[in-house]
N, C-alpha and C. Protein backbone atom coordinates (compact mmCIF):
# COMPACT_ATOMS: atom_id res chain seq x y z
N UNK A 1 26.92 56.15 -8.42
CA UNK A 1 27.35 54.96 -8.07
C UNK A 1 29.05 54.91 -8.24
N UNK A 2 29.71 54.57 -6.96
CA UNK A 2 31.21 54.62 -6.99
C UNK A 2 31.58 53.39 -7.30
N UNK A 3 32.26 53.53 -8.72
CA UNK A 3 33.08 52.32 -9.23
C UNK A 3 34.31 52.11 -8.56
N UNK A 4 35.04 53.06 -7.98
CA UNK A 4 36.34 52.84 -7.25
C UNK A 4 36.08 52.03 -6.14
N UNK A 5 34.95 51.77 -5.51
CA UNK A 5 34.74 50.91 -4.21
C UNK A 5 34.86 49.45 -4.72
N UNK A 6 35.46 48.62 -3.77
CA UNK A 6 35.40 47.34 -3.84
C UNK A 6 34.11 46.49 -3.59
N UNK A 7 33.69 45.58 -4.63
CA UNK A 7 32.45 45.12 -4.60
C UNK A 7 32.38 44.45 -3.41
N UNK A 8 30.85 44.21 -2.73
CA UNK A 8 30.75 43.51 -1.41
C UNK A 8 30.08 42.06 -1.79
N UNK A 9 31.10 41.41 -2.63
CA UNK A 9 30.54 39.84 -2.57
C UNK A 9 30.68 39.05 -1.50
N UNK A 10 29.67 38.31 -1.14
CA UNK A 10 29.81 37.42 -0.09
C UNK A 10 30.97 36.33 -0.15
N UNK A 11 31.53 36.11 0.76
CA UNK A 11 32.52 35.15 0.72
C UNK A 11 32.07 33.74 0.55
N UNK A 12 32.66 32.96 0.01
CA UNK A 12 32.23 31.74 -0.15
C UNK A 12 32.11 30.79 1.21
N UNK A 13 31.12 30.06 1.51
CA UNK A 13 30.87 29.44 2.73
C UNK A 13 31.88 28.32 2.85
N UNK A 14 32.16 28.03 3.90
CA UNK A 14 32.97 26.83 4.27
C UNK A 14 32.39 25.44 3.66
N UNK A 15 32.83 24.79 2.93
CA UNK A 15 32.19 23.50 2.37
C UNK A 15 32.68 22.75 3.68
N UNK A 16 31.18 21.84 4.05
CA UNK A 16 31.07 20.75 4.90
C UNK A 16 32.18 19.65 4.27
N UNK A 17 32.84 19.05 5.17
CA UNK A 17 33.60 17.94 4.73
C UNK A 17 32.90 16.97 4.45
N UNK A 18 32.95 16.03 3.70
CA UNK A 18 31.97 14.77 3.20
C UNK A 18 32.44 13.71 4.41
N UNK A 19 31.12 13.21 4.81
CA UNK A 19 31.23 12.37 5.98
C UNK A 19 32.16 10.93 5.68
N UNK A 20 32.85 10.52 6.44
CA UNK A 20 33.75 9.31 6.31
C UNK A 20 32.68 8.20 5.97
N UNK A 21 33.48 7.09 5.54
CA UNK A 21 32.71 5.74 5.57
C UNK A 21 32.42 4.88 6.79
N UNK A 22 32.96 5.28 7.78
CA UNK A 22 32.59 4.77 9.23
C UNK A 22 31.39 5.70 9.61
N UNK A 23 31.30 7.05 9.35
CA UNK A 23 30.00 7.43 9.95
C UNK A 23 29.04 7.46 9.19
N UNK A 24 29.12 7.05 7.45
CA UNK A 24 28.04 6.89 6.91
C UNK A 24 27.48 5.49 7.30
N UNK A 25 28.30 4.52 7.57
CA UNK A 25 27.97 3.20 7.88
C UNK A 25 27.27 3.49 9.53
N UNK A 26 27.89 4.02 10.31
CA UNK A 26 26.90 4.37 11.65
C UNK A 26 25.80 4.87 11.40
N UNK A 27 25.51 5.89 10.50
CA UNK A 27 24.16 6.63 10.24
C UNK A 27 23.34 5.67 9.70
N UNK A 28 23.94 4.76 8.79
CA UNK A 28 22.93 3.51 8.42
C UNK A 28 22.42 2.59 9.34
N UNK A 29 23.50 2.16 10.34
CA UNK A 29 23.20 1.48 11.15
C UNK A 29 22.13 2.18 12.23
N UNK A 30 22.19 3.28 12.53
CA UNK A 30 21.28 4.03 13.40
C UNK A 30 19.81 3.80 12.67
N UNK A 31 19.75 4.37 11.39
CA UNK A 31 18.60 4.29 10.85
C UNK A 31 17.95 2.94 10.67
N UNK A 32 18.63 2.03 10.53
CA UNK A 32 17.92 0.60 10.53
C UNK A 32 17.37 0.21 11.92
N UNK A 33 18.19 0.60 12.78
CA UNK A 33 17.86 0.22 14.48
C UNK A 33 16.69 1.17 14.84
N UNK A 34 16.58 2.31 14.26
CA UNK A 34 15.28 3.18 14.70
C UNK A 34 14.31 2.56 13.68
N UNK A 35 14.33 1.77 12.58
CA UNK A 35 13.24 1.37 11.93
C UNK A 35 12.78 0.31 12.48
N UNK A 36 13.83 -0.70 13.05
CA UNK A 36 13.50 -2.00 13.61
C UNK A 36 12.55 -1.86 15.13
N UNK A 37 13.13 -0.59 15.90
CA UNK A 37 12.28 -0.49 16.74
C UNK A 37 10.73 0.10 16.48
N UNK A 38 10.77 0.76 15.52
CA UNK A 38 9.37 1.56 15.23
C UNK A 38 8.42 0.05 14.80
N UNK A 39 9.39 -0.94 14.00
CA UNK A 39 8.38 -1.99 13.70
C UNK A 39 7.87 -2.97 14.69
N UNK A 40 8.88 -2.86 15.50
CA UNK A 40 8.66 -3.58 17.13
C UNK A 40 7.40 -3.16 17.61
N UNK A 41 7.61 -1.90 17.93
CA UNK A 41 6.50 -0.87 18.54
C UNK A 41 5.13 -1.27 17.67
N UNK A 42 5.10 -0.94 16.44
CA UNK A 42 3.86 -1.01 15.79
C UNK A 42 3.38 -2.70 15.84
N UNK A 43 4.35 -3.57 15.75
CA UNK A 43 3.67 -5.14 16.14
C UNK A 43 3.06 -4.99 17.24
N UNK A 44 3.54 -4.97 18.29
CA UNK A 44 2.85 -4.87 19.46
C UNK A 44 1.54 -3.95 19.57
N UNK A 45 1.68 -2.98 19.34
CA UNK A 45 0.26 -2.02 18.96
C UNK A 45 -0.98 -2.82 18.11
N UNK A 46 -0.36 -3.30 16.88
CA UNK A 46 -1.34 -4.36 16.18
C UNK A 46 -1.51 -5.27 16.80
N UNK A 47 -0.76 -5.78 17.60
CA UNK A 47 -1.01 -7.40 18.25
C UNK A 47 -2.20 -6.92 19.32
N UNK A 48 -1.97 -5.81 19.99
CA UNK A 48 -3.08 -5.53 21.09
C UNK A 48 -4.05 -5.41 20.51
N UNK A 49 -4.12 -4.68 19.25
CA UNK A 49 -5.47 -4.02 18.60
C UNK A 49 -6.44 -5.46 18.03
N UNK A 50 -5.65 -6.43 17.63
CA UNK A 50 -6.19 -7.66 17.06
C UNK A 50 -6.35 -8.79 18.10
N UNK A 51 -5.84 -8.75 19.40
CA UNK A 51 -6.07 -9.48 20.31
C UNK A 51 -7.28 -10.09 20.65
N UNK A 52 -8.59 -9.45 20.78
CA UNK A 52 -9.76 -9.97 20.80
C UNK A 52 -10.61 -10.17 19.59
N UNK A 53 -10.02 -9.97 18.31
CA UNK A 53 -10.56 -10.01 17.28
C UNK A 53 -10.47 -11.50 16.58
N UNK A 54 -11.64 -11.92 16.45
CA UNK A 54 -11.96 -13.70 15.98
C UNK A 54 -12.77 -13.56 15.05
N UNK A 55 -12.84 -14.73 14.44
CA UNK A 55 -13.97 -15.14 13.48
C UNK A 55 -14.60 -16.30 13.83
N UNK A 56 -16.02 -16.29 13.54
CA UNK A 56 -16.97 -17.41 14.06
C UNK A 56 -16.63 -18.63 13.14
N UNK A 57 -17.00 -19.61 13.47
CA UNK A 57 -16.92 -21.04 12.75
C UNK A 57 -17.67 -20.92 11.61
N UNK A 58 -17.40 -21.22 10.43
CA UNK A 58 -16.27 -22.02 9.92
C UNK A 58 -15.05 -21.36 9.50
N UNK A 59 -15.09 -20.00 9.66
CA UNK A 59 -13.86 -19.25 9.06
C UNK A 59 -13.05 -19.04 10.06
N UNK A 60 -13.08 -19.39 11.37
CA UNK A 60 -11.92 -19.06 12.51
C UNK A 60 -10.92 -20.19 11.85
N UNK A 61 -9.65 -19.82 12.50
CA UNK A 61 -8.21 -20.56 12.03
C UNK A 61 -8.17 -21.64 13.22
N UNK A 62 -8.83 -21.49 14.61
CA UNK A 62 -8.79 -22.13 15.78
C UNK A 62 -7.28 -22.04 16.01
N UNK A 63 -6.62 -23.05 16.44
CA UNK A 63 -5.19 -22.93 16.97
C UNK A 63 -4.20 -22.34 16.18
N UNK A 64 -4.58 -22.53 15.00
CA UNK A 64 -3.38 -22.01 14.07
C UNK A 64 -3.60 -20.77 13.88
N UNK A 65 -4.75 -20.22 13.97
CA UNK A 65 -4.97 -18.64 13.73
C UNK A 65 -4.17 -17.87 15.00
N UNK A 66 -4.19 -18.53 16.14
CA UNK A 66 -3.89 -17.93 17.29
C UNK A 66 -2.20 -17.90 17.04
N UNK A 67 -1.70 -18.99 16.70
CA UNK A 67 -0.23 -19.18 16.44
C UNK A 67 0.29 -18.34 15.61
N UNK A 68 -0.50 -18.08 14.56
CA UNK A 68 0.38 -17.16 13.42
C UNK A 68 -0.04 -15.47 13.59
N UNK A 69 -1.17 -15.27 14.60
CA UNK A 69 -1.49 -13.88 14.72
C UNK A 69 -0.46 -12.94 14.61
N UNK A 70 0.55 -13.61 15.48
CA UNK A 70 1.90 -12.51 15.79
C UNK A 70 2.49 -12.29 14.38
N UNK A 71 2.66 -13.41 13.64
CA UNK A 71 3.14 -13.33 12.30
C UNK A 71 2.77 -12.04 11.42
N UNK A 72 1.43 -12.26 11.31
CA UNK A 72 0.63 -11.37 10.45
C UNK A 72 0.95 -9.80 11.15
N UNK A 73 0.92 -9.71 12.56
CA UNK A 73 1.30 -8.33 13.08
C UNK A 73 2.54 -7.67 12.65
N UNK A 74 3.55 -8.77 12.76
CA UNK A 74 4.82 -8.34 12.55
C UNK A 74 4.83 -7.99 10.88
N UNK A 75 4.45 -8.64 10.05
CA UNK A 75 4.41 -8.52 8.60
C UNK A 75 3.80 -7.05 8.40
N UNK A 76 2.51 -6.84 8.98
CA UNK A 76 1.97 -5.54 9.05
C UNK A 76 2.85 -4.47 9.30
N UNK A 77 3.49 -4.53 10.64
CA UNK A 77 4.38 -3.46 10.87
C UNK A 77 5.37 -3.35 10.38
N UNK A 78 6.26 -4.21 9.78
CA UNK A 78 7.30 -4.15 8.82
C UNK A 78 6.85 -3.19 7.49
N UNK A 79 5.56 -3.73 6.90
CA UNK A 79 5.21 -3.15 5.57
C UNK A 79 4.91 -1.41 5.85
N UNK A 80 4.18 -1.17 7.14
CA UNK A 80 3.81 0.32 7.55
C UNK A 80 5.21 0.98 7.64
N UNK A 81 6.43 0.39 8.27
CA UNK A 81 7.38 1.35 8.21
C UNK A 81 8.14 1.30 6.80
N UNK A 82 8.19 0.22 6.05
CA UNK A 82 8.52 0.35 4.55
C UNK A 82 7.87 1.65 4.04
N UNK A 83 6.58 1.83 4.47
CA UNK A 83 5.78 2.67 3.65
C UNK A 83 5.82 4.13 4.29
N UNK A 84 6.73 4.56 5.29
CA UNK A 84 6.95 5.66 5.90
C UNK A 84 6.52 5.54 7.54
N UNK A 85 5.89 4.61 7.84
CA UNK A 85 5.69 4.25 9.29
C UNK A 85 4.82 5.48 9.93
N UNK A 86 4.85 5.71 11.26
CA UNK A 86 4.20 6.73 11.79
C UNK A 86 4.86 7.80 12.38
N UNK A 87 6.37 7.87 11.90
CA UNK A 87 7.39 8.79 12.22
C UNK A 87 8.17 8.48 13.36
N UNK A 88 8.09 7.65 14.09
CA UNK A 88 8.59 7.18 15.24
C UNK A 88 10.08 6.99 15.26
N UNK A 89 10.56 6.44 13.86
CA UNK A 89 11.75 6.14 13.59
C UNK A 89 12.69 7.36 13.49
N UNK A 90 11.67 8.22 12.71
CA UNK A 90 12.68 9.47 12.49
C UNK A 90 13.24 10.16 13.87
N UNK A 91 12.17 10.22 14.87
CA UNK A 91 12.49 10.83 16.22
C UNK A 91 13.37 10.08 17.15
N UNK A 92 13.40 8.54 16.70
CA UNK A 92 14.47 7.54 17.68
C UNK A 92 15.76 7.96 16.88
N UNK A 93 16.02 7.77 15.54
CA UNK A 93 17.25 8.06 14.89
C UNK A 93 17.78 9.66 15.11
N UNK A 94 17.02 10.37 15.22
CA UNK A 94 17.61 11.99 15.71
C UNK A 94 18.02 11.80 17.07
N UNK A 95 17.54 11.05 17.97
CA UNK A 95 18.18 11.11 19.22
C UNK A 95 19.35 10.03 19.39
N UNK A 96 19.14 9.24 18.81
CA UNK A 96 20.74 8.37 18.80
C UNK A 96 21.61 9.25 18.08
N UNK A 97 21.45 9.69 16.70
CA UNK A 97 22.62 10.71 16.20
C UNK A 97 22.88 11.61 17.15
N UNK A 98 22.14 12.26 17.95
CA UNK A 98 22.50 13.22 18.85
C UNK A 98 23.33 12.65 20.08
N UNK A 99 22.85 11.28 20.50
CA UNK A 99 23.71 10.72 21.21
C UNK A 99 25.24 10.16 20.97
N UNK A 100 25.30 10.23 19.80
CA UNK A 100 26.91 9.76 19.13
C UNK A 100 27.37 10.95 18.80
N UNK A 101 26.75 12.15 18.83
CA UNK A 101 27.59 13.41 18.31
C UNK A 101 27.57 13.71 16.97
N UNK A 102 26.47 13.13 16.23
CA UNK A 102 26.35 13.24 14.90
C UNK A 102 25.20 14.21 14.51
N UNK A 103 24.51 14.60 15.15
CA UNK A 103 23.27 15.34 14.95
C UNK A 103 22.80 15.19 13.68
């Protein structure tokens, strides 16, 4: 072993610069927009899924059920997104970040 040879320690990697407050705000807005998009998509899909589902009397909600069915679809979709969704928001956010040059 040659003790006179300089040690081959790796050079420290360049530290990435911390994102600015503006960039963090933009990333947050993009994430929220992507989640809102996924919730809207899921709401439409759930609405279509439950479109023809109905209950027979005396348990049907009549006109009120039809009026509030979309609210139920929206609430279920938002809850699905809060619990991880189906992965659509991640893809949408990634593409939006790429378009903004933030990858």
